[in-house]
Amino acid sequence: MSVVRALTFSGKRDFPSRVIVISPHADDAAFSVASTLKTLVSAGSAVRIINCFTLTRYAPFAVANDRISVVTRRRHEEERFLHDLGGDSQSDDLGLADAPARTGKGLRSILARYASPQDVFETVALLGENLEEAGDDTAVLAPLAIGDHSDHSIARQAAIAKYHDRPIAFYEDLPYAAAVPDDQVNSAVRETARLLDGGLHPRLIHWPGDSEWKQQCCSHYKSQISEAGIQKIVDYTNKNRGERLWCSARFTDQWKWRSTRRLPVVWQEPYFV
């Protein structure tokens, strides 16, 4: 078991000056990597969350579900998360239609196995055109597309096409990862590595109090998740002893570990699959 280490980035700064987070919807970043983002913001990194598919009527735990009400409410939920995240953190809503709105086929359309090749091709291209460029000192976090959600799969494909030559790591999509067997998580890792044409290496991000922090962040999205759903996210993170990232070789080469007194403290623990 390794000793306490803190996450640092090689170069002039200890951490990347900028982190781009590809979030399929306006909650995926908080559900999946809230603790990781707090670590980066605390270290002085500028965090830019790109919410891809934000034109939606999906709000299963809200009373009103007309499009204007849902989009407005989800933006307010995101702002609460950003307020807690603090530092130099922002999010941009691209205003692209989510799968049900885009295809007109209802909730069934969110399943990647039912997506039409034409929709996937056109949406990957459109999303890629709207993703910002990554500078020399920029790290990218993108979804593994666990859970067979078409929007997550499209976001992963667009991120790989746009940022394959940048330091990129992939996060485990929550709450989906908590609802599937481990072999499905590992299958998503293998498929992502195939698309990236390179191996992926796991890293765990953990600091004292991160479970409580993550629960607080998830609770801002009351239109999207129940208390039971939040608990499943927290339980999954605790089971893994932190938030697990799957890192490209370029990401691993540039992301170093060394002792520091910066808070929150980050633990690196070995993980094998």
C-alpha atoms as a PDB file:
ATOM      1  CA  MET A   1       0.000   0.000   0.000  1.00  0.00           C
ATOM      2  CA  SER A   2       1.431   3.360  -0.967  1.00  0.00           C
ATOM      3  CA  VAL A   3       1.889   6.299   1.366  1.00  0.00           C
ATOM      4  CA  VAL A   4      -0.011   9.556   1.075  1.00  0.00           C
ATOM      5  CA  ARG A   5       0.802  11.329  -2.157  1.00  0.00           C
ATOM      6  CA  ALA A   6      -0.643  14.408  -3.778  1.00  0.00           C
ATOM      7  CA  LEU A   7      -1.531  14.837  -7.417  1.00  0.00           C
ATOM      8  CA  THR A   8       0.803  17.099  -9.381  1.00  0.00           C
ATOM      9  CA  PHE A   9       1.380  17.947 -13.009  1.00  0.00           C
ATOM     10  CA  SER A  10       4.811  18.189 -14.591  1.00  0.00           C
ATOM     11  CA  GLY A  11       5.949  21.496 -16.023  1.00  0.00           C
ATOM     12  CA  LYS A  12       6.004  25.023 -14.637  1.00  0.00           C
ATOM     13  CA  ARG A  13       2.950  24.432 -12.466  1.00  0.00           C
ATOM     14  CA  ASP A  14       2.313  21.653  -9.991  1.00  0.00           C
ATOM     15  CA  PHE A  15      -1.099  21.047 -11.541  1.00  0.00           C
ATOM     16  CA  PRO A  16      -2.448  21.659 -15.041  1.00  0.00           C
ATOM     17  CA  SER A  17      -3.283  25.293 -15.570  1.00  0.00           C
ATOM     18  CA  ARG A  18      -6.566  24.244 -17.177  1.00  0.00           C
ATOM     19  CA  VAL A  19      -8.808  21.175 -17.048  1.00  0.00           C
ATOM     20  CA  ILE A  20     -11.558  20.559 -19.589  1.00  0.00           C
ATOM     21  CA  VAL A  21     -14.319  18.234 -18.386  1.00  0.00           C
ATOM     22  CA  ILE A  22     -16.598  16.709 -21.005  1.00  0.00           C
ATOM     23  CA  SER A  23     -19.944  16.231 -19.240  1.00  0.00           C
ATOM     24  CA  PRO A  24     -22.696  14.743 -21.418  1.00  0.00           C
ATOM     25  CA  HIS A  25     -25.385  16.399 -19.273  1.00  0.00           C
ATOM     26  CA  ALA A  26     -25.480  19.050 -16.565  1.00  0.00           C
ATOM     27  CA  ASP A  27     -24.908  16.698 -13.651  1.00  0.00           C
ATOM     28  CA  ASP A  28     -22.479  14.058 -14.927  1.00  0.00           C
ATOM     29  CA  ALA A  29     -19.368  15.974 -13.843  1.00  0.00           C
ATOM     30  CA  ALA A  30     -20.664  16.400 -10.287  1.00  0.00           C
ATOM     31  CA  PHE A  31     -21.902  12.820  -9.987  1.00  0.00           C
ATOM     32  CA  SER A  32     -18.719  11.311 -11.387  1.00  0.00           C
ATOM     33  CA  VAL A  33     -15.728  13.530 -10.514  1.00  0.00           C
ATOM     34  CA  ALA A  34     -16.773  16.098  -7.896  1.00  0.00           C
ATOM     35  CA  SER A  35     -13.910  15.155  -5.565  1.00  0.00           C
ATOM     36  CA  THR A  36     -11.352  15.188  -8.362  1.00  0.00           C
ATOM     37  CA  LEU A  37     -12.504  18.622  -9.483  1.00  0.00           C
ATOM     38  CA  LYS A  38     -12.350  19.981  -5.931  1.00  0.00           C
ATOM     39  CA  THR A  39      -8.756  18.757  -5.706  1.00  0.00           C
ATOM     40  CA  LEU A  40      -7.829  20.539  -8.918  1.00  0.00           C
ATOM     41  CA  VAL A  41      -9.619  23.767  -8.055  1.00  0.00           C
ATOM     42  CA  SER A  42      -7.994  23.782  -4.612  1.00  0.00           C
ATOM     43  CA  ALA A  43      -4.610  23.527  -6.329  1.00  0.00           C
ATOM     44  CA  GLY A  44      -5.333  26.534  -8.543  1.00  0.00           C
ATOM     45  CA  SER A  45      -6.342  24.830 -11.775  1.00  0.00           C
ATOM     46  CA  ALA A  46      -8.998  26.464 -13.932  1.00  0.00           C
ATOM     47  CA  VAL A  47     -11.816  23.952 -14.402  1.00  0.00           C
ATOM     48  CA  ARG A  48     -14.043  24.245 -17.463  1.00  0.00           C
ATOM     49  CA  ILE A  49     -17.014  21.890 -17.564  1.00  0.00           C
ATOM     50  CA  ILE A  50     -18.560  21.498 -21.002  1.00  0.00           C
ATOM     51  CA  ASN A  51     -22.170  20.325 -20.665  1.00  0.00           C
ATOM     52  CA  CYS A  52     -22.945  18.857 -24.065  1.00  0.00           C
ATOM     53  CA  PHE A  53     -26.625  17.888 -24.344  1.00  0.00           C
ATOM     54  CA  THR A  54     -28.518  20.518 -22.387  1.00  0.00           C
ATOM     55  CA  LEU A  55     -31.643  20.981 -24.508  1.00  0.00           C
ATOM     56  CA  THR A  56     -33.880  18.553 -22.654  1.00  0.00           C
ATOM     57  CA  ARG A  57     -37.150  17.859 -20.870  1.00  0.00           C
ATOM     58  CA  TYR A  58     -35.637  15.213 -18.605  1.00  0.00           C
ATOM     59  CA  ALA A  59     -36.334  15.991 -14.941  1.00  0.00           C
ATOM     60  CA  PRO A  60     -37.871  12.869 -13.337  1.00  0.00           C
ATOM     61  CA  PHE A  61     -37.958  14.336  -9.828  1.00  0.00           C
ATOM     62  CA  ALA A  62     -39.367  17.759 -10.749  1.00  0.00           C
ATOM     63  CA  VAL A  63     -43.037  18.721 -11.000  1.00  0.00           C
ATOM     64  CA  ALA A  64     -42.797  20.866 -14.132  1.00  0.00           C
ATOM     65  CA  ASN A  65     -41.177  19.225 -17.139  1.00  0.00           C
ATOM     66  CA  ASP A  66     -41.715  21.653 -19.995  1.00  0.00           C
ATOM     67  CA  ARG A  67     -38.477  22.376 -21.797  1.00  0.00           C
ATOM     68  CA  ILE A  68     -37.967  25.945 -20.582  1.00  0.00           C
ATOM     69  CA  SER A  69     -38.595  25.032 -16.946  1.00  0.00           C
ATOM     70  CA  VAL A  70     -36.310  22.006 -17.082  1.00  0.00           C
ATOM     71  CA  VAL A  71     -33.427  23.776 -18.817  1.00  0.00           C
ATOM     72  CA  THR A  72     -33.671  26.700 -16.400  1.00  0.00           C
ATOM     73  CA  ARG A  73     -33.862  24.489 -13.325  1.00  0.00           C
ATOM     74  CA  ARG A  74     -30.931  22.346 -14.422  1.00  0.00           C
ATOM     75  CA  ARG A  75     -28.843  25.454 -14.969  1.00  0.00           C
ATOM     76  CA  HIS A  76     -29.662  26.642 -11.457  1.00  0.00           C
ATOM     77  CA  GLU A  77     -28.646  23.236 -10.069  1.00  0.00           C
ATOM     78  CA  GLU A  78     -25.348  23.468 -11.924  1.00  0.00           C
ATOM     79  CA  GLU A  79     -24.708  26.935 -10.523  1.00  0.00           C
ATOM     80  CA  ARG A  80     -25.101  25.621  -6.976  1.00  0.00           C
ATOM     81  CA  PHE A  81     -22.475  22.979  -7.676  1.00  0.00           C
ATOM     82  CA  LEU A  82     -20.108  25.563  -9.156  1.00  0.00           C
ATOM     83  CA  HIS A  83     -20.594  27.763  -6.100  1.00  0.00           C
ATOM     84  CA  ASP A  84     -19.488  24.894  -3.872  1.00  0.00           C
ATOM     85  CA  LEU A  85     -16.641  23.994  -6.194  1.00  0.00           C
ATOM     86  CA  GLY A  86     -15.335  27.535  -5.961  1.00  0.00           C
ATOM     87  CA  GLY A  87     -12.034  28.775  -7.336  1.00  0.00           C
ATOM     88  CA  ASP A  88     -11.728  29.296 -11.061  1.00  0.00           C
ATOM     89  CA  SER A  89     -14.532  26.937 -12.080  1.00  0.00           C
ATOM     90  CA  GLN A  90     -17.065  27.504 -14.834  1.00  0.00           C
ATOM     91  CA  SER A  91     -19.377  25.470 -16.995  1.00  0.00           C
ATOM     92  CA  ASP A  92     -20.664  26.087 -20.488  1.00  0.00           C
ATOM     93  CA  ASP A  93     -23.922  24.657 -21.839  1.00  0.00           C
ATOM     94  CA  LEU A  94     -23.584  23.848 -25.529  1.00  0.00           C
ATOM     95  CA  GLY A  95     -27.353  23.743 -26.027  1.00  0.00           C
ATOM     96  CA  LEU A  96     -27.323  20.545 -28.075  1.00  0.00           C
ATOM     97  CA  ALA A  97     -30.432  18.366 -27.896  1.00  0.00           C
ATOM     98  CA  ASP A  98     -30.293  15.218 -25.776  1.00  0.00           C
ATOM     99  CA  ALA A  99     -31.176  11.854 -27.315  1.00  0.00           C
ATOM    100  CA  PRO A 100     -34.970  11.965 -26.724  1.00  0.00           C
ATOM    101  CA  ALA A 101     -35.243  15.535 -28.015  1.00  0.00           C
ATOM    102  CA  ARG A 102     -32.841  14.883 -30.870  1.00  0.00           C
ATOM    103  CA  THR A 103     -34.448  11.715 -32.188  1.00  0.00           C
ATOM    104  CA  GLY A 104     -38.087  12.131 -31.128  1.00  0.00           C
ATOM    105  CA  LYS A 105     -38.095   8.475 -30.041  1.00  0.00           C
ATOM    106  CA  GLY A 106     -38.557   8.944 -26.288  1.00  0.00           C
ATOM    107  CA  LEU A 107     -36.500   7.434 -23.501  1.00  0.00           C
ATOM    108  CA  ARG A 108     -35.724   4.310 -25.519  1.00  0.00           C
ATOM    109  CA  SER A 109     -33.443   6.479 -27.659  1.00  0.00           C
ATOM    110  CA  ILE A 110     -31.002   6.954 -24.790  1.00  0.00           C
ATOM    111  CA  LEU A 111     -29.758   3.377 -25.242  1.00  0.00           C
ATOM    112  CA  ALA A 112     -26.699   3.300 -27.464  1.00  0.00           C
ATOM    113  CA  ARG A 113     -27.628  -0.109 -28.855  1.00  0.00           C
ATOM    114  CA  TYR A 114     -30.760   1.432 -30.414  1.00  0.00           C
ATOM    115  CA  ALA A 115     -29.063   4.558 -31.763  1.00  0.00           C
ATOM    116  CA  SER A 116     -29.056   5.046 -35.501  1.00  0.00           C
ATOM    117  CA  PRO A 117     -25.603   5.193 -37.131  1.00  0.00           C
ATOM    118  CA  GLN A 118     -26.571   8.420 -38.860  1.00  0.00           C
ATOM    119  CA  ASP A 119     -27.530  10.121 -35.588  1.00  0.00           C
ATOM    120  CA  VAL A 120     -24.283   8.992 -33.971  1.00  0.00           C
ATOM    121  CA  PHE A 121     -22.132  10.133 -36.891  1.00  0.00           C
ATOM    122  CA  GLU A 122     -23.815  13.528 -37.233  1.00  0.00           C
ATOM    123  CA  THR A 123     -23.915  14.240 -33.490  1.00  0.00           C
ATOM    124  CA  VAL A 124     -20.288  13.235 -32.910  1.00  0.00           C
ATOM    125  CA  ALA A 125     -19.268  15.618 -35.702  1.00  0.00           C
ATOM    126  CA  LEU A 126     -21.459  18.455 -34.386  1.00  0.00           C
ATOM    127  CA  LEU A 127     -20.217  18.029 -30.829  1.00  0.00           C
ATOM    128  CA  GLY A 128     -16.597  17.910 -31.978  1.00  0.00           C
ATOM    129  CA  GLU A 129     -17.058  21.228 -33.770  1.00  0.00           C
ATOM    130  CA  ASN A 130     -18.289  22.804 -30.523  1.00  0.00           C
ATOM    131  CA  LEU A 131     -15.595  21.503 -28.172  1.00  0.00           C
ATOM    132  CA  GLU A 132     -12.907  24.030 -27.337  1.00  0.00           C
ATOM    133  CA  GLU A 133      -9.250  23.546 -28.085  1.00  0.00           C
ATOM    134  CA  ALA A 134      -6.887  22.214 -25.410  1.00  0.00           C
ATOM    135  CA  GLY A 135      -3.662  24.121 -24.779  1.00  0.00           C
ATOM    136  CA  ASP A 136      -0.241  22.736 -23.912  1.00  0.00           C
ATOM    137  CA  ASP A 137      -0.920  22.753 -20.163  1.00  0.00           C
ATOM    138  CA  THR A 138      -4.462  21.399 -20.360  1.00  0.00           C
ATOM    139  CA  ALA A 139      -5.752  18.060 -19.092  1.00  0.00           C
ATOM    140  CA  VAL A 140      -9.019  16.548 -20.327  1.00  0.00           C
ATOM    141  CA  LEU A 141     -11.528  14.392 -18.431  1.00  0.00           C
ATOM    142  CA  ALA A 142     -14.144  12.515 -20.447  1.00  0.00           C
ATOM    143  CA  PRO A 143     -16.741   9.792 -19.788  1.00  0.00           C
ATOM    144  CA  LEU A 144     -16.072   6.067 -20.176  1.00  0.00           C
ATOM    145  CA  ALA A 145     -19.662   5.671 -21.444  1.00  0.00           C
ATOM    146  CA  ILE A 146     -20.640   3.050 -18.875  1.00  0.00           C
ATOM    147  CA  GLY A 147     -24.342   2.212 -18.947  1.00  0.00           C
ATOM    148  CA  ASP A 148     -25.101   2.128 -22.687  1.00  0.00           C
ATOM    149  CA  HIS A 149     -26.311   5.753 -22.769  1.00  0.00           C
ATOM    150  CA  SER A 150     -26.104   7.071 -26.318  1.00  0.00           C
ATOM    151  CA  ASP A 151     -25.257  10.644 -25.275  1.00  0.00           C
ATOM    152  CA  HIS A 152     -22.380   9.383 -23.130  1.00  0.00           C
ATOM    153  CA  SER A 153     -21.105   7.197 -25.950  1.00  0.00           C
ATOM    154  CA  ILE A 154     -21.253  10.116 -28.381  1.00  0.00           C
ATOM    155  CA  ALA A 155     -19.484  12.400 -25.891  1.00  0.00           C
ATOM    156  CA  ARG A 156     -16.720   9.819 -25.482  1.00  0.00           C
ATOM    157  CA  GLN A 157     -16.257   9.465 -29.247  1.00  0.00           C
ATOM    158  CA  ALA A 158     -16.149  13.221 -29.774  1.00  0.00           C
ATOM    159  CA  ALA A 159     -13.672  13.707 -26.903  1.00  0.00           C
ATOM    160  CA  ILE A 160     -11.346  11.023 -28.277  1.00  0.00           C
ATOM    161  CA  ALA A 161     -11.516  12.502 -31.784  1.00  0.00           C
ATOM    162  CA  LYS A 162     -10.796  16.004 -30.470  1.00  0.00           C
ATOM    163  CA  TYR A 163      -8.276  15.307 -27.719  1.00  0.00           C
ATOM    164  CA  HIS A 164      -6.577  11.995 -28.584  1.00  0.00           C
ATOM    165  CA  ASP A 165      -3.190  13.728 -28.722  1.00  0.00           C
ATOM    166  CA  ARG A 166      -3.678  15.555 -25.385  1.00  0.00           C
ATOM    167  CA  PRO A 167      -3.353  14.245 -21.801  1.00  0.00           C
ATOM    168  CA  ILE A 168      -6.775  12.633 -21.350  1.00  0.00           C
ATOM    169  CA  ALA A 169      -8.326  10.497 -18.634  1.00  0.00           C
ATOM    170  CA  PHE A 170     -11.742   8.862 -18.501  1.00  0.00           C
ATOM    171  CA  TYR A 171     -14.096   8.813 -15.530  1.00  0.00           C
ATOM    172  CA  GLU A 172     -16.609   6.169 -14.510  1.00  0.00           C
ATOM    173  CA  ASP A 173     -20.085   7.471 -15.343  1.00  0.00           C
ATOM    174  CA  LEU A 174     -22.222   7.639 -12.214  1.00  0.00           C
ATOM    175  CA  PRO A 175     -24.817   6.589 -11.214  1.00  0.00           C
ATOM    176  CA  TYR A 176     -24.619   4.103 -14.126  1.00  0.00           C
ATOM    177  CA  ALA A 177     -21.376   2.492 -12.967  1.00  0.00           C
ATOM    178  CA  ALA A 178     -22.977   1.738  -9.603  1.00  0.00           C
ATOM    179  CA  ALA A 179     -25.812  -0.166 -11.281  1.00  0.00           C
ATOM    180  CA  VAL A 180     -23.811  -2.562 -13.457  1.00  0.00           C
ATOM    181  CA  PRO A 181     -21.474  -5.490 -12.717  1.00  0.00           C
ATOM    182  CA  ASP A 182     -17.725  -4.888 -12.626  1.00  0.00           C
ATOM    183  CA  ASP A 183     -17.261  -6.712 -15.911  1.00  0.00           C
ATOM    184  CA  GLN A 184     -19.327  -4.045 -17.677  1.00  0.00           C
ATOM    185  CA  VAL A 185     -17.086  -1.335 -16.227  1.00  0.00           C
ATOM    186  CA  ASN A 186     -14.031  -3.254 -17.422  1.00  0.00           C
ATOM    187  CA  SER A 187     -15.647  -3.731 -20.833  1.00  0.00           C
ATOM    188  CA  ALA A 188     -16.128   0.045 -21.150  1.00  0.00           C
ATOM    189  CA  VAL A 189     -12.458   0.538 -20.234  1.00  0.00           C
ATOM    190  CA  ARG A 190     -11.340  -1.927 -22.915  1.00  0.00           C
ATOM    191  CA  GLU A 191     -13.596  -0.347 -25.550  1.00  0.00           C
ATOM    192  CA  THR A 192     -12.345   3.140 -24.685  1.00  0.00           C
ATOM    193  CA  ALA A 193      -8.724   1.968 -24.891  1.00  0.00           C
ATOM    194  CA  ARG A 194      -9.484   0.472 -28.311  1.00  0.00           C
ATOM    195  CA  LEU A 195     -11.021   3.721 -29.558  1.00  0.00           C
ATOM    196  CA  LEU A 196      -8.078   5.701 -28.157  1.00  0.00           C
ATOM    197  CA  ASP A 197      -5.625   3.180 -29.645  1.00  0.00           C
ATOM    198  CA  GLY A 198      -3.671   3.011 -26.399  1.00  0.00           C
ATOM    199  CA  GLY A 199      -3.694   1.531 -22.926  1.00  0.00           C
ATOM    200  CA  LEU A 200      -5.476   3.058 -19.943  1.00  0.00           C
ATOM    201  CA  HIS A 201      -4.067   3.056 -16.419  1.00  0.00           C
ATOM    202  CA  PRO A 202      -6.270   3.369 -13.291  1.00  0.00           C
ATOM    203  CA  ARG A 203      -5.706   6.014 -10.618  1.00  0.00           C
ATOM    204  CA  LEU A 204      -7.743   6.682  -7.479  1.00  0.00           C
ATOM    205  CA  ILE A 205      -8.465  10.157  -6.127  1.00  0.00           C
ATOM    206  CA  HIS A 206      -9.349  10.215  -2.433  1.00  0.00           C
ATOM    207  CA  TRP A 207      -9.102  12.658   0.444  1.00  0.00           C
ATOM    208  CA  PRO A 208     -10.539  12.713   3.973  1.00  0.00           C
ATOM    209  CA  GLY A 209     -14.151  13.883   3.881  1.00  0.00           C
ATOM    210  CA  ASP A 210     -14.614  13.342   0.163  1.00  0.00           C
ATOM    211  CA  SER A 211     -17.705  11.141   0.641  1.00  0.00           C
ATOM    212  CA  GLU A 212     -19.553  13.883   2.498  1.00  0.00           C
ATOM    213  CA  TRP A 213     -18.423  16.406  -0.086  1.00  0.00           C
ATOM    214  CA  LYS A 214     -19.649  14.285  -2.972  1.00  0.00           C
ATOM    215  CA  GLN A 215     -22.994  13.687  -1.290  1.00  0.00           C
ATOM    216  CA  GLN A 216     -23.429  17.437  -0.863  1.00  0.00           C
ATOM    217  CA  CYS A 217     -22.608  18.064  -4.529  1.00  0.00           C
ATOM    218  CA  CYS A 218     -25.025  15.420  -5.770  1.00  0.00           C
ATOM    219  CA  SER A 219     -27.799  16.806  -3.565  1.00  0.00           C
ATOM    220  CA  HIS A 220     -27.890  20.007  -5.637  1.00  0.00           C
ATOM    221  CA  TYR A 221     -29.405  18.101  -8.573  1.00  0.00           C
ATOM    222  CA  LYS A 222     -32.779  17.425  -6.997  1.00  0.00           C
ATOM    223  CA  SER A 223     -34.595  17.254 -10.335  1.00  0.00           C
ATOM    224  CA  GLN A 224     -32.328  14.439 -11.494  1.00  0.00           C
ATOM    225  CA  ILE A 225     -31.678  12.055  -8.628  1.00  0.00           C
ATOM    226  CA  SER A 226     -33.272  10.721  -5.447  1.00  0.00           C
ATOM    227  CA  GLU A 227     -31.658  10.382  -2.026  1.00  0.00           C
ATOM    228  CA  ALA A 228     -31.398   6.643  -2.671  1.00  0.00           C
ATOM    229  CA  GLY A 229     -29.629   7.347  -5.948  1.00  0.00           C
ATOM    230  CA  ILE A 230     -27.173   9.669  -4.239  1.00  0.00           C
ATOM    231  CA  GLN A 231     -26.419   7.024  -1.652  1.00  0.00           C
ATOM    232  CA  LYS A 232     -25.639   4.519  -4.415  1.00  0.00           C
ATOM    233  CA  ILE A 233     -23.110   6.957  -5.865  1.00  0.00           C
ATOM    234  CA  VAL A 234     -21.497   7.474  -2.466  1.00  0.00           C
ATOM    235  CA  ASP A 235     -21.453   3.733  -1.742  1.00  0.00           C
ATOM    236  CA  TYR A 236     -19.804   3.016  -5.094  1.00  0.00           C
ATOM    237  CA  THR A 237     -17.138   5.653  -4.502  1.00  0.00           C
ATOM    238  CA  ASN A 238     -16.470   4.287  -1.016  1.00  0.00           C
ATOM    239  CA  LYS A 239     -16.259   0.741  -2.371  1.00  0.00           C
ATOM    240  CA  ASN A 240     -13.524   1.854  -4.760  1.00  0.00           C
ATOM    241  CA  ARG A 241     -11.831   3.934  -2.035  1.00  0.00           C
ATOM    242  CA  GLY A 242     -12.162   7.073  -4.143  1.00  0.00           C
ATOM    243  CA  GLU A 243     -12.993   8.336  -7.619  1.00  0.00           C
ATOM    244  CA  ARG A 244     -11.314   6.156 -10.221  1.00  0.00           C
ATOM    245  CA  LEU A 245      -9.839   7.652 -13.382  1.00  0.00           C
ATOM    246  CA  TRP A 246      -8.593   5.645 -16.340  1.00  0.00           C
ATOM    247  CA  CYS A 247      -5.629   7.533 -17.740  1.00  0.00           C
ATOM    248  CA  SER A 248      -3.959   7.554 -21.141  1.00  0.00           C
ATOM    249  CA  ALA A 249      -0.205   7.064 -21.386  1.00  0.00           C
ATOM    250  CA  ARG A 250       0.290  10.764 -22.112  1.00  0.00           C
ATOM    251  CA  PHE A 251      -1.807  11.668 -19.075  1.00  0.00           C
ATOM    252  CA  THR A 252       0.106   9.213 -16.860  1.00  0.00           C
ATOM    253  CA  ASP A 253       3.483  10.457 -18.119  1.00  0.00           C
ATOM    254  CA  GLN A 254       2.657  14.065 -17.261  1.00  0.00           C
ATOM    255  CA  TRP A 255       0.675  13.517 -14.058  1.00  0.00           C
ATOM    256  CA  LYS A 256       3.106  12.955 -11.188  1.00  0.00           C
ATOM    257  CA  TRP A 257       2.739  12.116  -7.501  1.00  0.00           C
ATOM    258  CA  ARG A 258       4.708  13.749  -4.740  1.00  0.00           C
ATOM    259  CA  SER A 259       4.292  14.928  -1.151  1.00  0.00           C
ATOM    260  CA  THR A 260       2.642  18.285  -0.611  1.00  0.00           C
ATOM    261  CA  ARG A 261       0.789  20.184   2.092  1.00  0.00           C
ATOM    262  CA  ARG A 262      -1.874  21.439  -0.244  1.00  0.00           C
ATOM    263  CA  LEU A 263      -5.418  20.551   0.692  1.00  0.00           C
ATOM    264  CA  PRO A 264      -7.375  18.493   0.083  1.00  0.00           C
ATOM    265  CA  VAL A 265      -4.881  15.677   0.465  1.00  0.00           C
ATOM    266  CA  VAL A 266      -5.005  13.117  -2.316  1.00  0.00           C
ATOM    267  CA  TRP A 267      -4.250   9.450  -1.917  1.00  0.00           C
ATOM    268  CA  GLN A 268      -2.836   7.304  -4.656  1.00  0.00           C
ATOM    269  CA  GLU A 269      -3.641   3.659  -4.045  1.00  0.00           C
ATOM    270  CA  PRO A 270      -2.777   0.731  -6.309  1.00  0.00           C
ATOM    271  CA  TYR A 271      -5.686  -0.808  -8.187  1.00  0.00           C
ATOM    272  CA  PHE A 272      -5.645  -3.875 -10.374  1.00  0.00           C
ATOM    273  CA  VAL A 273      -8.260  -5.411 -12.683  1.00  0.00           C
END
